[in-house]
Amino acid sequence: MADALATLAAAFKTNKEVDIMPIQMSTYDSPASCYAIEDGLDDRPWYYDILQYIKYQKYPEGAIENDKRTIRRAATRYVLD
């Protein structure tokens, strides 16, 4: 962390008369990705859409093209026995 701040400080030339805003940093007890995960609105497992695509080549209702592409890419990593 100190190396990153030192590199950042060296990248900027400042005038001593100019007030510089401090950088505020926060730390969390768990990874930030945990805060981005939303609770499921239904009782389906996380892989439900991928499984439906593998079994029936069907996308969820209302899926936009980006969602469909994501499901297709994810489905390539799984095989049904």
Protein backbone atom coordinates (compact mmCIF):
# COMPACT_ATOMS: atom_id res chain seq x y z
CA MET A 1 0.00 0.00 0.00
CA ALA A 2 2.79 2.40 0.88
CA ASP A 3 4.52 1.71 -2.45
CA ALA A 4 1.34 2.50 -4.35
CA LEU A 5 0.86 5.78 -2.50
CA ALA A 6 4.51 6.74 -3.00
CA THR A 7 4.21 6.05 -6.73
CA LEU A 8 1.01 8.07 -6.88
CA ALA A 9 2.61 10.98 -5.01
CA ALA A 10 5.62 10.98 -7.34
CA ALA A 11 3.33 11.19 -10.38
CA PHE A 12 1.95 14.61 -9.41
CA LYS A 13 3.78 17.91 -9.19
CA THR A 14 2.15 20.16 -6.62
CA ASN A 15 2.58 23.68 -5.42
CA LYS A 16 3.06 24.07 -1.66
CA GLU A 17 0.49 26.90 -1.65
CA VAL A 18 -2.27 24.67 -3.02
CA ASP A 19 -4.46 22.70 -0.63
CA ILE A 20 -4.51 19.01 -1.49
CA MET A 21 -7.57 16.92 -0.67
CA PRO A 22 -6.72 13.87 1.47
CA ILE A 23 -7.46 10.36 0.22
CA GLN A 24 -9.97 8.57 2.41
CA MET A 25 -9.61 4.81 2.63
CA SER A 26 -11.79 2.18 4.25
CA THR A 27 -11.12 -1.40 5.23
CA TYR A 28 -13.65 -4.19 5.46
CA ASP A 29 -13.65 -7.44 7.40
CA SER A 30 -14.75 -9.41 4.34
CA PRO A 31 -13.96 -9.05 0.61
CA ALA A 32 -15.80 -6.29 -1.27
CA SER A 33 -17.29 -8.89 -3.62
CA CYS A 34 -19.40 -10.17 -0.72
CA TYR A 35 -21.15 -6.82 -0.52
CA ALA A 36 -22.05 -6.91 -4.23
CA ILE A 37 -23.91 -10.22 -4.06
CA GLU A 38 -27.67 -9.85 -3.90
CA ASP A 39 -29.98 -12.31 -2.21
CA GLY A 40 -31.84 -14.52 -4.65
CA LEU A 41 -35.45 -13.62 -5.28
CA ASP A 42 -36.41 -17.26 -5.74
CA ASP A 43 -35.45 -20.64 -4.33
CA ARG A 44 -33.50 -21.72 -7.41
CA PRO A 45 -29.79 -22.54 -7.15
CA TRP A 46 -27.26 -20.14 -8.69
CA TYR A 47 -26.64 -22.49 -11.63
CA TYR A 48 -30.32 -22.91 -12.60
CA ASP A 49 -30.15 -20.79 -15.79
CA ILE A 50 -26.97 -22.55 -16.91
CA LEU A 51 -28.56 -25.96 -16.32
CA GLN A 52 -31.69 -25.00 -18.27
CA TYR A 53 -29.54 -23.85 -21.16
CA ILE A 54 -27.51 -27.08 -21.17
CA LYS A 55 -30.60 -29.32 -20.97
CA TYR A 56 -33.05 -27.46 -23.20
CA GLN A 57 -31.07 -24.67 -24.95
CA LYS A 58 -33.52 -22.19 -23.43
CA TYR A 59 -32.74 -18.80 -21.91
CA PRO A 60 -34.60 -17.26 -18.98
CA GLU A 61 -37.52 -14.99 -19.82
CA GLY A 62 -36.44 -11.40 -20.26
CA ALA A 63 -32.78 -12.27 -20.82
CA ILE A 64 -31.00 -9.62 -22.85
CA GLU A 65 -28.28 -10.48 -25.36
CA ASN A 66 -25.51 -9.91 -22.80
CA ASP A 67 -27.21 -12.33 -20.37
CA LYS A 68 -27.53 -14.93 -23.11
CA ARG A 69 -23.86 -14.61 -24.03
CA THR A 70 -22.86 -14.97 -20.37
CA ILE A 71 -24.97 -18.12 -19.99
CA ARG A 72 -23.52 -19.63 -23.18
CA ARG A 73 -19.97 -18.98 -22.00
CA ALA A 74 -20.65 -20.36 -18.53
CA ALA A 75 -22.32 -23.47 -19.98
CA THR A 76 -19.13 -24.47 -21.81
CA ARG A 77 -17.51 -25.24 -18.45
CA TYR A 78 -20.04 -27.88 -17.41
CA VAL A 79 -21.00 -31.39 -18.56
CA LEU A 80 -24.09 -33.36 -17.56
CA ASP A 81 -23.66 -36.99 -16.56
